[in-house]
């Protein structure tokens, strides 16, 4: 009886955290990845210049100035007016972006998965997201016209942005939207009815179907997009990408620290080609 009492007192001293040590636990041996962000595909750029097309540190583009030649009425016997097409120049000089990863040899030997390899793959995602941010900040935000909406985007906001492009003889092809704007679109009866008659493209991931002929593409907030913004573009004239060095991975060893690592770099520049081929829609 006394022995049983001592056993009960001993068991009564255990706490929950200590008791867990007696319970077998399995540690899941597969790393659960982060969700991929919604990004702007490179096919939306008017031009993409690769390393072979940039012999030096930059590339120059010659652009025709729109409507720079005029035809005039000429009276009989009068001199025909002289006029020529005007040209402008655009210089793109890629900037370098990079990240370095270092891992101890012990961690490489003891970890459940290849830490270095996983970090390289994560770096690839970050470079894609950085490029997306450059497209928004250095190209789309240079829009020649802005439509100021209210608390939610409206059909009138969208059609006015399209008209801005058409006023300059561009063809609206693409609508980039933040998540709040996308939610607004999903709550506009016109688009809901459009889906009910058989078009379910708006339910697909990535490319979300078409609205008034515009290809709708959602862009993640953490990739440079503002939730409450949208952009209408003519993909043939909106922006360009110059990439002097593609995403490049170079390995190295720090023998004095018994570490291995990689350096991941890219040299890239994004710029608007024709600002009047971009219209921005803002909501609150």
Protein backbone atom coordinates (compact mmCIF):
# COMPACT_ATOMS: atom_id res chain seq x y z
CA UNK A 1 0.00 0.00 0.00
CA UNK A 2 2.82 2.37 0.90
CA UNK A 3 4.68 1.45 -2.29
CA UNK A 4 1.58 2.16 -4.40
CA UNK A 5 1.23 5.56 -2.68
CA UNK A 6 4.82 6.44 -3.60
CA UNK A 7 4.18 5.43 -7.20
CA UNK A 8 1.11 7.72 -7.36
CA UNK A 9 3.05 10.65 -5.87
CA UNK A 10 5.86 10.07 -8.37
CA UNK A 11 3.45 10.00 -11.30
CA UNK A 12 1.77 13.13 -9.98
CA UNK A 13 5.00 15.11 -10.33
CA UNK A 14 5.07 14.70 -14.14
CA UNK A 15 4.04 17.72 -16.23
CA UNK A 16 2.57 17.68 -19.69
CA UNK A 17 5.74 18.82 -21.43
CA UNK A 18 7.76 16.12 -19.71
CA UNK A 19 5.14 13.48 -20.39
CA UNK A 20 5.37 14.16 -24.11
CA UNK A 21 8.88 12.72 -24.09
CA UNK A 22 7.30 9.30 -23.49
CA UNK A 23 4.99 9.60 -26.54
CA UNK A 24 6.46 8.48 -29.88
CA UNK A 25 6.35 11.23 -32.51
CA UNK A 26 7.07 11.04 -36.23
CA UNK A 27 8.74 13.98 -37.93
CA UNK A 28 7.49 14.31 -41.50
CA UNK A 29 10.52 13.93 -43.76
CA UNK A 30 9.18 15.97 -46.68
CA UNK A 31 9.67 19.72 -46.74
CA UNK A 32 6.40 21.59 -47.31
CA UNK A 33 7.09 24.28 -49.89
CA UNK A 34 5.74 27.84 -49.95
CA UNK A 35 3.02 28.71 -52.44
CA UNK A 36 4.15 29.98 -55.81
CA UNK A 37 3.19 33.58 -56.52
CA UNK A 38 1.18 34.72 -59.52
CA UNK A 39 3.66 36.43 -61.85
CA UNK A 40 3.59 38.24 -65.19
CA UNK A 41 4.89 35.92 -67.94
CA UNK A 42 7.63 37.18 -70.21
CA UNK A 43 5.36 36.73 -73.19
CA UNK A 44 3.69 40.02 -72.14
CA UNK A 45 6.83 42.02 -72.95
CA UNK A 46 6.98 43.69 -76.34
CA UNK A 47 10.67 42.77 -76.69
CA UNK A 48 13.11 40.66 -74.65
CA UNK A 49 16.81 41.17 -75.38
CA UNK A 50 19.17 38.39 -74.34
CA UNK A 51 22.94 38.49 -73.64
CA UNK A 52 23.81 37.85 -77.29
CA UNK A 53 21.95 41.00 -78.33
CA UNK A 54 23.71 43.25 -75.81
CA UNK A 55 27.41 43.31 -76.83
CA UNK A 56 28.37 46.00 -74.32
CA UNK A 57 26.97 47.14 -71.00
CA UNK A 58 23.77 48.54 -72.51
CA UNK A 59 21.57 48.53 -75.58
CA UNK A 60 20.12 51.48 -77.52
CA UNK A 61 16.72 51.40 -79.20
CA UNK A 62 15.70 53.82 -81.93
CA UNK A 63 12.03 54.77 -81.78
CA UNK A 64 9.89 56.58 -84.29
CA UNK A 65 8.17 59.63 -82.82
CA UNK A 66 4.46 59.10 -83.48
CA UNK A 67 2.79 61.47 -85.99
CA UNK A 68 6.03 63.37 -86.58
CA UNK A 69 5.48 63.80 -90.33
CA UNK A 70 2.62 65.93 -91.68
CA UNK A 71 1.06 66.16 -95.11
CA UNK A 72 -0.21 69.63 -96.04
CA UNK A 73 -2.31 71.11 -98.79
CA UNK A 74 -0.18 72.76 -101.47
CA UNK A 75 -1.40 75.58 -103.68
CA UNK A 76 -0.72 75.49 -107.41
CA UNK A 77 2.84 76.58 -108.10
CA UNK A 78 3.73 76.75 -104.42
CA UNK A 79 6.70 75.01 -102.92
CA UNK A 80 5.90 71.60 -101.38
CA UNK A 81 6.53 71.82 -97.60
CA UNK A 82 9.51 69.94 -96.27
CA UNK A 83 8.98 67.49 -93.38
CA UNK A 84 10.63 64.31 -92.10
CA UNK A 85 9.97 61.59 -89.58
CA UNK A 86 11.50 62.27 -86.16
CA UNK A 87 13.26 59.69 -84.03
CA UNK A 88 14.11 59.24 -80.37
CA UNK A 89 16.54 57.00 -78.55
CA UNK A 90 16.06 54.75 -75.52
CA UNK A 91 19.05 53.34 -73.62
CA UNK A 92 18.70 50.28 -71.39
CA UNK A 93 21.57 49.45 -69.03
CA UNK A 94 20.98 46.25 -67.05
CA UNK A 95 21.64 46.33 -63.30
CA UNK A 96 23.01 43.44 -61.28
CA UNK A 97 20.93 41.66 -58.64
CA UNK A 98 22.19 38.83 -56.49
CA UNK A 99 22.12 36.71 -53.35
CA UNK A 100 24.74 34.51 -51.69
CA UNK A 101 24.02 31.33 -49.71
CA UNK A 102 26.51 29.63 -47.36
CA UNK A 103 25.99 26.33 -45.54
CA UNK A 104 28.34 24.45 -43.20
CA UNK A 105 29.59 21.05 -44.28
CA UNK A 106 28.10 19.56 -41.12
CA UNK A 107 24.64 20.76 -42.09
CA UNK A 108 25.09 19.42 -45.60
CA UNK A 109 26.10 16.05 -44.15
CA UNK A 110 23.45 15.83 -41.43
CA UNK A 111 20.34 17.53 -42.85
CA UNK A 112 17.32 15.51 -43.98
CA UNK A 113 17.36 17.22 -47.37
CA UNK A 114 19.89 19.05 -49.51
CA UNK A 115 19.86 22.49 -47.91
CA UNK A 116 22.03 24.09 -50.58
CA UNK A 117 19.97 22.76 -53.46
CA UNK A 118 16.72 23.87 -51.84
CA UNK A 119 18.07 27.38 -51.24
CA UNK A 120 19.11 27.65 -54.88
CA UNK A 121 15.58 26.76 -55.98
CA UNK A 122 14.16 29.32 -53.53
CA UNK A 123 16.55 31.93 -54.94
CA UNK A 124 15.19 31.20 -58.41
CA UNK A 125 11.71 32.11 -57.19
CA UNK A 126 12.97 35.32 -55.61
CA UNK A 127 14.62 36.38 -58.89
CA UNK A 128 11.38 35.77 -60.79
CA UNK A 129 9.49 37.84 -58.22
CA UNK A 130 12.12 40.60 -58.44
CA UNK A 131 11.69 40.74 -62.22
CA UNK A 132 7.94 41.01 -61.71
CA UNK A 133 8.47 43.93 -59.30
CA UNK A 134 10.65 45.67 -61.90
CA UNK A 135 7.94 45.27 -64.53
CA UNK A 136 5.43 46.96 -62.23
CA UNK A 137 7.65 49.74 -60.83
CA UNK A 138 9.82 50.55 -63.87
CA UNK A 139 7.31 49.97 -66.67
CA UNK A 140 3.63 49.70 -65.75
CA UNK A 141 3.76 52.55 -63.21
CA UNK A 142 5.04 54.79 -66.04
CA UNK A 143 1.56 54.62 -67.55
CA UNK A 144 0.73 57.58 -69.75
CA UNK A 145 -2.80 57.79 -68.34
CA UNK A 146 -4.46 56.95 -65.02
CA UNK A 147 -8.10 56.21 -64.24
CA UNK A 148 -9.07 56.96 -60.64
CA UNK A 149 -11.79 54.62 -59.43
CA UNK A 150 -13.72 54.43 -56.18
CA UNK A 151 -13.91 51.71 -53.58
CA UNK A 152 -14.25 49.07 -56.30
CA UNK A 153 -13.39 48.93 -59.98
CA UNK A 154 -16.26 49.50 -62.38
CA UNK A 155 -16.98 48.69 -66.01
CA UNK A 156 -16.66 52.41 -66.74
CA UNK A 157 -13.14 52.46 -65.22
CA UNK A 158 -12.11 49.56 -67.41
CA UNK A 159 -13.57 50.89 -70.65
CA UNK A 160 -12.08 54.35 -70.01
CA UNK A 161 -8.62 52.84 -69.59
CA UNK A 162 -9.12 50.96 -72.85
CA UNK A 163 -10.15 54.17 -74.57
CA UNK A 164 -6.97 55.93 -73.44
CA UNK A 165 -4.97 53.34 -75.38
CA UNK A 166 -7.29 53.46 -78.38
CA UNK A 167 -7.09 57.27 -78.47
CA UNK A 168 -3.37 56.81 -79.19
CA UNK A 169 -4.06 54.07 -81.78
CA UNK A 170 -2.97 51.18 -79.54
CA UNK A 171 -4.91 47.95 -79.14
CA UNK A 172 -5.72 46.95 -75.54
CA UNK A 173 -4.67 43.31 -75.14
CA UNK A 174 -4.00 42.64 -71.45
CA UNK A 175 -5.44 43.48 -68.03
CA UNK A 176 -3.12 42.97 -65.04
CA UNK A 177 -5.03 42.98 -61.73
CA UNK A 178 -4.25 42.93 -58.03
CA UNK A 179 -6.25 40.62 -55.78
CA UNK A 180 -8.77 43.22 -54.56
CA UNK A 181 -9.46 44.32 -58.12
CA UNK A 182 -9.89 40.67 -59.11
CA UNK A 183 -12.44 40.29 -56.34
CA UNK A 184 -14.26 43.38 -57.63
CA UNK A 185 -14.45 41.85 -61.10
CA UNK A 186 -15.88 38.63 -59.72
CA UNK A 187 -18.69 40.64 -58.14
CA UNK A 188 -19.72 42.58 -61.24
CA UNK A 189 -22.92 41.05 -62.64
CA UNK A 190 -21.82 41.56 -66.25
CA UNK A 191 -18.87 39.21 -65.80
CA UNK A 192 -20.78 36.72 -63.65
CA UNK A 193 -23.45 36.39 -66.35
CA UNK A 194 -20.71 36.08 -68.96
CA UNK A 195 -19.46 32.97 -67.15
CA UNK A 196 -22.95 31.56 -66.64
CA UNK A 197 -23.53 31.32 -70.39
CA UNK A 198 -20.70 28.86 -70.72
CA UNK A 199 -17.37 30.68 -70.37
CA UNK A 200 -15.60 29.35 -67.28
CA UNK A 201 -12.14 30.71 -68.10
CA UNK A 202 -12.32 33.15 -65.18
CA UNK A 203 -12.15 30.18 -62.82
CA UNK A 204 -8.81 28.95 -64.17
CA UNK A 205 -5.48 29.67 -62.48
CA UNK A 206 -2.90 32.02 -63.99
CA UNK A 207 -4.58 33.42 -67.09
CA UNK A 208 -8.15 34.15 -66.02
CA UNK A 209 -9.94 34.37 -69.34
CA UNK A 210 -10.91 37.49 -71.24
CA UNK A 211 -12.92 40.64 -70.53
CA UNK A 212 -13.81 42.83 -73.53
CA UNK A 213 -11.04 41.00 -75.39
CA UNK A 214 -8.46 41.69 -72.67
CA UNK A 215 -6.47 38.74 -71.34
CA UNK A 216 -6.85 38.94 -67.53
CA UNK A 217 -3.73 38.12 -65.49
CA UNK A 218 -3.66 38.27 -61.69
CA UNK A 219 -0.41 39.37 -60.04
CA UNK A 220 0.58 38.67 -56.42
CA UNK A 221 0.96 41.55 -53.99
CA UNK A 222 4.29 40.18 -52.73
CA UNK A 223 5.64 40.39 -56.27
CA UNK A 224 5.40 44.17 -56.56
CA UNK A 225 1.72 44.55 -57.40
CA UNK A 226 -0.62 46.78 -55.41
CA UNK A 227 -3.83 44.97 -54.44
CA UNK A 228 -6.01 47.88 -55.48
CA UNK A 229 -4.39 48.57 -58.86
CA UNK A 230 -4.90 47.33 -62.40
CA UNK A 231 -3.14 48.01 -65.70
CA UNK A 232 -4.40 47.85 -69.27
CA UNK A 233 -1.64 47.39 -71.85
CA UNK A 234 -0.96 46.80 -75.51
CA UNK A 235 1.58 44.00 -75.22
CA UNK A 236 3.15 44.88 -78.58
CA UNK A 237 4.18 48.35 -77.37
CA UNK A 238 4.02 48.51 -73.56
CA UNK A 239 7.42 47.52 -72.14
CA UNK A 240 10.72 45.79 -72.87
CA UNK A 241 13.21 43.61 -70.98
CA UNK A 242 16.99 43.63 -71.45
CA UNK A 243 18.81 40.74 -69.78
CA UNK A 244 22.59 40.91 -70.03
CA UNK A 245 23.08 37.94 -67.68
CA UNK A 246 20.37 35.32 -67.08
CA UNK A 247 19.94 33.96 -63.57
CA UNK A 248 23.35 32.35 -62.99
CA UNK A 249 24.41 29.99 -60.19
CA UNK A 250 28.09 29.68 -59.25
CA UNK A 251 29.28 27.36 -56.49
CA UNK A 252 32.21 27.96 -54.13
CA UNK A 253 33.94 26.50 -51.06
CA UNK A 254 35.15 28.38 -47.98
CA UNK A 255 37.70 25.86 -46.78
CA UNK A 256 38.87 27.89 -43.78
CA UNK A 257 35.28 27.88 -42.48
CA UNK A 258 34.46 24.37 -43.74
CA UNK A 259 31.50 25.77 -45.69
CA UNK A 260 30.05 25.45 -49.17
CA UNK A 261 27.93 28.00 -50.91
CA UNK A 262 26.54 29.49 -54.08
CA UNK A 263 26.28 32.96 -55.56
CA UNK A 264 23.18 33.60 -57.67
CA UNK A 265 23.14 36.71 -59.88
CA UNK A 266 21.27 38.33 -62.73
CA UNK A 267 21.77 41.49 -64.80
CA UNK A 268 18.47 42.85 -66.05
CA UNK A 269 16.65 46.06 -66.92
CA UNK A 270 12.93 46.66 -67.53
CA UNK A 271 11.57 49.87 -69.05
CA UNK A 272 8.40 51.14 -70.66
CA UNK A 273 8.53 51.34 -74.44
CA UNK A 274 5.48 53.51 -75.10
CA UNK A 275 3.91 54.95 -71.96
CA UNK A 276 0.72 55.77 -73.88
CA UNK A 277 0.33 52.01 -74.48
CA UNK A 278 -0.23 51.59 -70.70
CA UNK A 279 -3.18 52.85 -68.64
CA UNK A 280 -3.35 52.45 -64.86
CA UNK A 281 -6.56 52.01 -62.87
CA UNK A 282 -6.49 52.80 -59.16
CA UNK A 283 -9.12 51.96 -56.56
CA UNK A 284 -9.26 52.67 -52.84
